[in-house]
């Protein structure tokens, strides 16, 4: 399950695409929190305060099995390293496996 913001900006679209293809999440929620930070210097530098710099991500994926929270976060930062180098400023991450989120695996 992936939910989308009403209108996706280019950064949010790339984040969504990379996370979907790499982690095959059971759930993915992306919130663009940039408007809350439009007064910060990095935000003002990007399109006069209308850029995409701050996101909250909630990801449920079995790719996180056996990994610590720090390892999970490093996975995300590695996947999004290009975006971070190009102006993505902040990520708030909640990462869980299906079991941790209470989502049952479909039986085959």
N, C-alpha and C. Protein backbone atom coordinates (compact mmCIF):
# COMPACT_ATOMS: atom_id res chain seq x y z
N UNK A 1 0.84 -1.17 0.00
CA UNK A 1 0.00 0.00 0.00
C UNK A 1 0.89 1.24 0.00
N UNK A 2 0.68 2.10 -0.92
CA UNK A 2 1.43 3.35 -0.99
C UNK A 2 0.43 4.48 -1.13
N UNK A 3 0.61 5.51 -0.32
CA UNK A 3 -0.29 6.66 -0.44
C UNK A 3 0.49 7.82 -1.01
N UNK A 4 -0.20 8.66 -1.74
CA UNK A 4 0.45 9.77 -2.43
C UNK A 4 -0.12 11.09 -1.95
N UNK A 5 0.70 12.11 -2.00
CA UNK A 5 0.25 13.46 -1.75
C UNK A 5 -0.58 13.89 -2.95
N UNK A 6 -1.47 14.90 -2.77
CA UNK A 6 -2.31 15.33 -3.89
C UNK A 6 -1.52 15.62 -5.16
N UNK A 7 -0.43 16.37 -5.05
CA UNK A 7 0.40 16.62 -6.23
C UNK A 7 1.85 16.36 -5.85
N UNK A 8 2.43 15.40 -6.51
CA UNK A 8 3.80 15.02 -6.21
C UNK A 8 4.77 15.95 -6.91
N UNK A 9 5.75 16.43 -6.16
CA UNK A 9 6.83 17.18 -6.77
C UNK A 9 7.86 16.21 -7.30
N UNK A 10 8.85 16.71 -8.02
CA UNK A 10 9.85 15.82 -8.63
C UNK A 10 10.68 15.04 -7.60
N UNK A 11 11.04 15.65 -6.49
CA UNK A 11 11.83 14.95 -5.46
C UNK A 11 10.99 13.85 -4.83
N UNK A 12 9.76 14.19 -4.46
CA UNK A 12 8.89 13.19 -3.86
C UNK A 12 8.64 12.03 -4.80
N UNK A 13 8.49 12.30 -6.07
CA UNK A 13 8.29 11.24 -7.07
C UNK A 13 9.49 10.31 -7.14
N UNK A 14 10.69 10.88 -7.10
CA UNK A 14 11.91 10.06 -7.15
C UNK A 14 12.04 9.24 -5.87
N UNK A 15 11.76 9.86 -4.72
CA UNK A 15 11.81 9.14 -3.44
C UNK A 15 10.87 7.94 -3.52
N UNK A 16 9.64 8.17 -3.93
CA UNK A 16 8.64 7.11 -4.02
C UNK A 16 9.11 6.00 -4.96
N UNK A 17 9.60 6.36 -6.13
CA UNK A 17 10.04 5.39 -7.12
C UNK A 17 11.19 4.53 -6.58
N UNK A 18 12.19 5.16 -6.00
CA UNK A 18 13.35 4.43 -5.49
C UNK A 18 12.97 3.49 -4.35
N UNK A 19 12.13 3.97 -3.43
CA UNK A 19 11.74 3.13 -2.30
C UNK A 19 10.87 1.97 -2.75
N UNK A 20 9.95 2.21 -3.67
CA UNK A 20 9.10 1.14 -4.17
C UNK A 20 9.90 0.06 -4.88
N UNK A 21 10.83 0.47 -5.73
CA UNK A 21 11.59 -0.52 -6.50
C UNK A 21 12.62 -1.25 -5.65
N UNK A 22 13.23 -0.58 -4.69
CA UNK A 22 14.30 -1.20 -3.91
C UNK A 22 13.80 -1.98 -2.71
N UNK A 23 12.76 -1.50 -2.06
CA UNK A 23 12.31 -2.12 -0.81
C UNK A 23 11.02 -2.93 -0.94
N UNK A 24 10.31 -2.77 -2.06
CA UNK A 24 9.04 -3.46 -2.26
C UNK A 24 8.20 -3.42 -0.98
N UNK A 25 7.87 -2.22 -0.51
CA UNK A 25 7.21 -2.10 0.78
C UNK A 25 5.76 -2.59 0.77
N UNK A 26 5.35 -3.12 1.92
CA UNK A 26 3.94 -3.48 2.13
C UNK A 26 3.14 -2.20 2.38
N UNK A 27 3.81 -1.19 2.91
CA UNK A 27 3.19 0.12 3.15
C UNK A 27 4.24 1.20 2.98
N UNK A 28 3.84 2.29 2.37
CA UNK A 28 4.74 3.43 2.17
C UNK A 28 3.91 4.71 2.28
N UNK A 29 4.27 5.53 3.24
CA UNK A 29 3.60 6.82 3.41
C UNK A 29 4.69 7.90 3.37
N UNK A 30 4.49 8.87 2.51
CA UNK A 30 5.44 9.97 2.37
C UNK A 30 4.70 11.27 2.62
N UNK A 31 5.22 12.04 3.58
CA UNK A 31 4.67 13.36 3.87
C UNK A 31 5.72 14.40 3.52
N UNK A 32 5.35 15.37 2.70
CA UNK A 32 6.23 16.48 2.39
C UNK A 32 6.02 17.54 3.46
N UNK A 33 7.00 17.69 4.34
CA UNK A 33 6.92 18.64 5.46
C UNK A 33 7.65 19.94 5.16
N UNK A 34 8.03 20.14 3.91
CA UNK A 34 8.85 21.29 3.55
C UNK A 34 8.20 22.63 3.89
N UNK A 35 6.89 22.71 3.75
CA UNK A 35 6.20 23.98 4.03
C UNK A 35 6.42 24.44 5.47
N UNK A 36 6.66 23.52 6.38
CA UNK A 36 6.90 23.87 7.78
C UNK A 36 8.27 24.49 7.99
N UNK A 37 9.11 24.39 6.98
CA UNK A 37 10.50 24.85 7.10
C UNK A 37 10.85 25.90 6.05
N UNK A 38 9.85 26.52 5.45
CA UNK A 38 10.10 27.45 4.34
C UNK A 38 10.94 28.66 4.75
N UNK A 39 11.03 28.93 6.06
CA UNK A 39 11.84 30.05 6.53
C UNK A 39 13.31 29.67 6.72
N UNK A 40 13.66 28.37 6.65
CA UNK A 40 15.05 27.94 6.81
C UNK A 40 15.86 28.28 5.56
N UNK A 41 17.12 28.57 5.75
CA UNK A 41 17.99 28.95 4.64
C UNK A 41 18.01 27.92 3.50
N UNK A 42 18.16 26.60 3.79
CA UNK A 42 18.18 25.64 2.68
C UNK A 42 16.87 25.64 1.88
N UNK A 43 15.77 25.87 2.56
CA UNK A 43 14.48 25.89 1.86
C UNK A 43 14.36 27.14 1.00
N UNK A 44 14.75 28.28 1.53
CA UNK A 44 14.68 29.53 0.76
C UNK A 44 15.58 29.46 -0.46
N UNK A 45 16.70 28.75 -0.34
CA UNK A 45 17.65 28.64 -1.45
C UNK A 45 17.09 27.82 -2.59
N UNK A 46 16.11 26.98 -2.29
CA UNK A 46 15.53 26.12 -3.32
C UNK A 46 14.20 26.71 -3.77
N UNK A 47 14.18 27.32 -4.91
CA UNK A 47 12.97 27.86 -5.52
C UNK A 47 12.26 28.88 -4.65
N UNK A 48 13.00 29.68 -3.91
CA UNK A 48 12.40 30.75 -3.12
C UNK A 48 11.46 30.29 -2.03
N UNK A 49 11.68 29.09 -1.50
CA UNK A 49 10.85 28.60 -0.41
C UNK A 49 9.76 27.64 -0.85
N UNK A 50 9.75 27.27 -2.10
CA UNK A 50 8.74 26.32 -2.56
C UNK A 50 9.34 24.96 -2.90
N UNK A 51 10.58 24.72 -2.50
CA UNK A 51 11.26 23.47 -2.83
C UNK A 51 10.84 22.32 -1.96
N UNK A 52 11.42 21.18 -2.25
CA UNK A 52 11.15 19.95 -1.51
C UNK A 52 12.40 19.59 -0.72
N UNK A 53 12.40 19.89 0.55
CA UNK A 53 13.60 19.69 1.35
C UNK A 53 13.41 18.81 2.58
N UNK A 54 12.19 18.68 3.08
CA UNK A 54 11.93 17.96 4.33
C UNK A 54 10.79 16.95 4.11
N UNK A 55 11.08 15.68 4.44
CA UNK A 55 10.07 14.63 4.28
C UNK A 55 10.03 13.72 5.49
N UNK A 56 8.84 13.23 5.81
CA UNK A 56 8.65 12.16 6.78
C UNK A 56 8.25 10.92 6.00
N UNK A 57 8.93 9.82 6.29
CA UNK A 57 8.68 8.57 5.58
C UNK A 57 8.31 7.48 6.58
N UNK A 58 7.25 6.76 6.28
CA UNK A 58 6.87 5.57 7.04
C UNK A 58 6.91 4.40 6.06
N UNK A 59 7.78 3.43 6.36
CA UNK A 59 8.02 2.34 5.42
C UNK A 59 7.91 1.01 6.15
N UNK A 60 7.09 0.12 5.60
CA UNK A 60 6.98 -1.25 6.11
C UNK A 60 7.51 -2.16 5.01
N UNK A 61 8.61 -2.85 5.31
CA UNK A 61 9.23 -3.72 4.31
C UNK A 61 9.97 -4.86 5.00
N UNK A 62 9.85 -6.04 4.44
CA UNK A 62 10.60 -7.17 4.98
C UNK A 62 12.09 -7.09 4.64
N UNK A 63 12.49 -6.13 3.81
CA UNK A 63 13.92 -5.89 3.56
C UNK A 63 14.62 -5.44 4.84
N UNK A 64 13.84 -5.02 5.83
CA UNK A 64 14.40 -4.55 7.11
C UNK A 64 14.62 -5.69 8.11
N UNK A 65 14.18 -6.91 7.78
CA UNK A 65 14.33 -8.04 8.70
C UNK A 65 15.78 -8.21 9.11
N UNK A 66 16.00 -8.39 10.42
CA UNK A 66 17.34 -8.66 10.93
C UNK A 66 18.24 -7.44 10.99
N UNK A 67 17.72 -6.27 10.69
CA UNK A 67 18.54 -5.05 10.69
C UNK A 67 18.13 -4.14 11.86
N UNK A 68 19.11 -3.47 12.42
CA UNK A 68 18.85 -2.50 13.48
C UNK A 68 18.22 -1.25 12.87
N UNK A 69 17.68 -0.41 13.72
CA UNK A 69 17.11 0.85 13.25
C UNK A 69 18.15 1.65 12.48
N UNK A 70 19.37 1.71 12.99
CA UNK A 70 20.42 2.47 12.32
C UNK A 70 20.75 1.88 10.95
N UNK A 71 20.80 0.58 10.84
CA UNK A 71 21.06 -0.06 9.55
C UNK A 71 19.93 0.22 8.56
N UNK A 72 18.71 0.21 9.04
CA UNK A 72 17.56 0.52 8.19
C UNK A 72 17.64 1.94 7.67
N UNK A 73 17.95 2.86 8.56
CA UNK A 73 18.05 4.27 8.17
C UNK A 73 19.20 4.47 7.18
N UNK A 74 20.29 3.79 7.40
CA UNK A 74 21.41 3.88 6.46
C UNK A 74 21.02 3.37 5.08
N UNK A 75 20.19 2.33 5.03
CA UNK A 75 19.70 1.83 3.75
C UNK A 75 18.95 2.93 3.00
N UNK A 76 18.09 3.64 3.71
CA UNK A 76 17.29 4.70 3.09
C UNK A 76 18.19 5.85 2.64
N UNK A 77 19.10 6.27 3.51
CA UNK A 77 20.01 7.36 3.15
C UNK A 77 20.88 6.97 1.95
N UNK A 78 21.28 5.72 1.88
CA UNK A 78 22.07 5.27 0.73
C UNK A 78 21.24 5.31 -0.56
N UNK A 79 19.99 4.84 -0.48
CA UNK A 79 19.11 4.87 -1.65
C UNK A 79 18.87 6.29 -2.15
N UNK A 80 18.83 7.25 -1.22
CA UNK A 80 18.50 8.64 -1.57
C UNK A 80 19.71 9.56 -1.53
N UNK A 81 20.91 9.01 -1.64
CA UNK A 81 22.12 9.82 -1.52
C UNK A 81 22.21 10.92 -2.59
N UNK A 82 21.77 10.62 -3.79
CA UNK A 82 21.82 11.62 -4.86
C UNK A 82 20.90 12.80 -4.53
N UNK A 83 19.71 12.50 -4.04
CA UNK A 83 18.76 13.56 -3.68
C UNK A 83 19.28 14.39 -2.50
N UNK A 84 19.91 13.72 -1.56
CA UNK A 84 20.50 14.44 -0.41
C UNK A 84 21.62 15.36 -0.87
N UNK A 85 22.39 14.93 -1.85
CA UNK A 85 23.47 15.76 -2.39
C UNK A 85 22.92 16.96 -3.18
N UNK A 86 21.68 16.84 -3.67
CA UNK A 86 21.11 17.88 -4.53
C UNK A 86 20.10 18.78 -3.83
N UNK A 87 20.03 18.73 -2.50
CA UNK A 87 19.16 19.68 -1.81
C UNK A 87 18.15 19.10 -0.85
N UNK A 88 17.91 17.78 -0.91
CA UNK A 88 17.06 17.17 0.10
C UNK A 88 17.77 17.34 1.43
N UNK A 89 17.10 17.95 2.39
CA UNK A 89 17.75 18.41 3.61
C UNK A 89 17.49 17.51 4.81
N UNK A 90 16.28 16.97 4.92
CA UNK A 90 15.92 16.26 6.14
C UNK A 90 14.94 15.13 5.85
N UNK A 91 15.19 13.98 6.50
CA UNK A 91 14.28 12.85 6.45
C UNK A 91 13.95 12.42 7.87
N UNK A 92 12.68 12.26 8.15
CA UNK A 92 12.22 11.67 9.41
C UNK A 92 11.73 10.27 9.04
N UNK A 93 12.34 9.25 9.62
CA UNK A 93 12.09 7.88 9.18
C UNK A 93 11.45 7.02 10.25
N UNK A 94 10.43 6.28 9.85
CA UNK A 94 9.85 5.21 10.66
C UNK A 94 9.91 3.97 9.81
N UNK A 95 10.70 2.99 10.23
CA UNK A 95 10.93 1.79 9.43
C UNK A 95 10.54 0.56 10.24
N UNK A 96 9.72 -0.30 9.64
CA UNK A 96 9.27 -1.51 10.31
C UNK A 96 9.21 -2.66 9.32
N UNK A 97 9.30 -3.88 9.86
CA UNK A 97 9.02 -5.06 9.07
C UNK A 97 7.51 -5.29 9.11
N UNK A 98 7.03 -6.21 8.28
CA UNK A 98 5.60 -6.54 8.29
C UNK A 98 5.17 -7.02 9.68
N UNK A 99 5.99 -7.87 10.28
CA UNK A 99 5.66 -8.41 11.60
C UNK A 99 5.59 -7.29 12.64
N UNK A 100 6.54 -6.38 12.61
CA UNK A 100 6.55 -5.27 13.57
C UNK A 100 5.33 -4.36 13.38
N UNK A 101 4.86 -4.25 12.16
CA UNK A 101 3.70 -3.41 11.87
C UNK A 101 2.39 -4.16 12.05
N UNK A 102 2.47 -5.45 12.31
CA UNK A 102 1.26 -6.24 12.49
C UNK A 102 0.55 -6.56 11.19
N UNK A 103 1.31 -6.58 10.09
CA UNK A 103 0.74 -6.92 8.78
C UNK A 103 1.08 -8.37 8.49
N UNK A 104 0.06 -9.17 8.28
CA UNK A 104 0.28 -10.58 8.00
C UNK A 104 0.76 -10.75 6.56
N UNK A 105 1.63 -11.72 6.40
CA UNK A 105 2.12 -12.06 5.06
C UNK A 105 1.07 -12.92 4.38
N UNK A 106 0.76 -12.60 3.14
CA UNK A 106 -0.21 -13.38 2.38
C UNK A 106 0.32 -14.78 2.16
N UNK A 107 -0.52 -15.77 2.40
CA UNK A 107 -0.07 -17.15 2.18
C UNK A 107 -0.26 -17.53 0.72
N UNK A 108 0.64 -18.36 0.24
CA UNK A 108 0.60 -18.77 -1.16
C UNK A 108 0.05 -20.14 -1.33
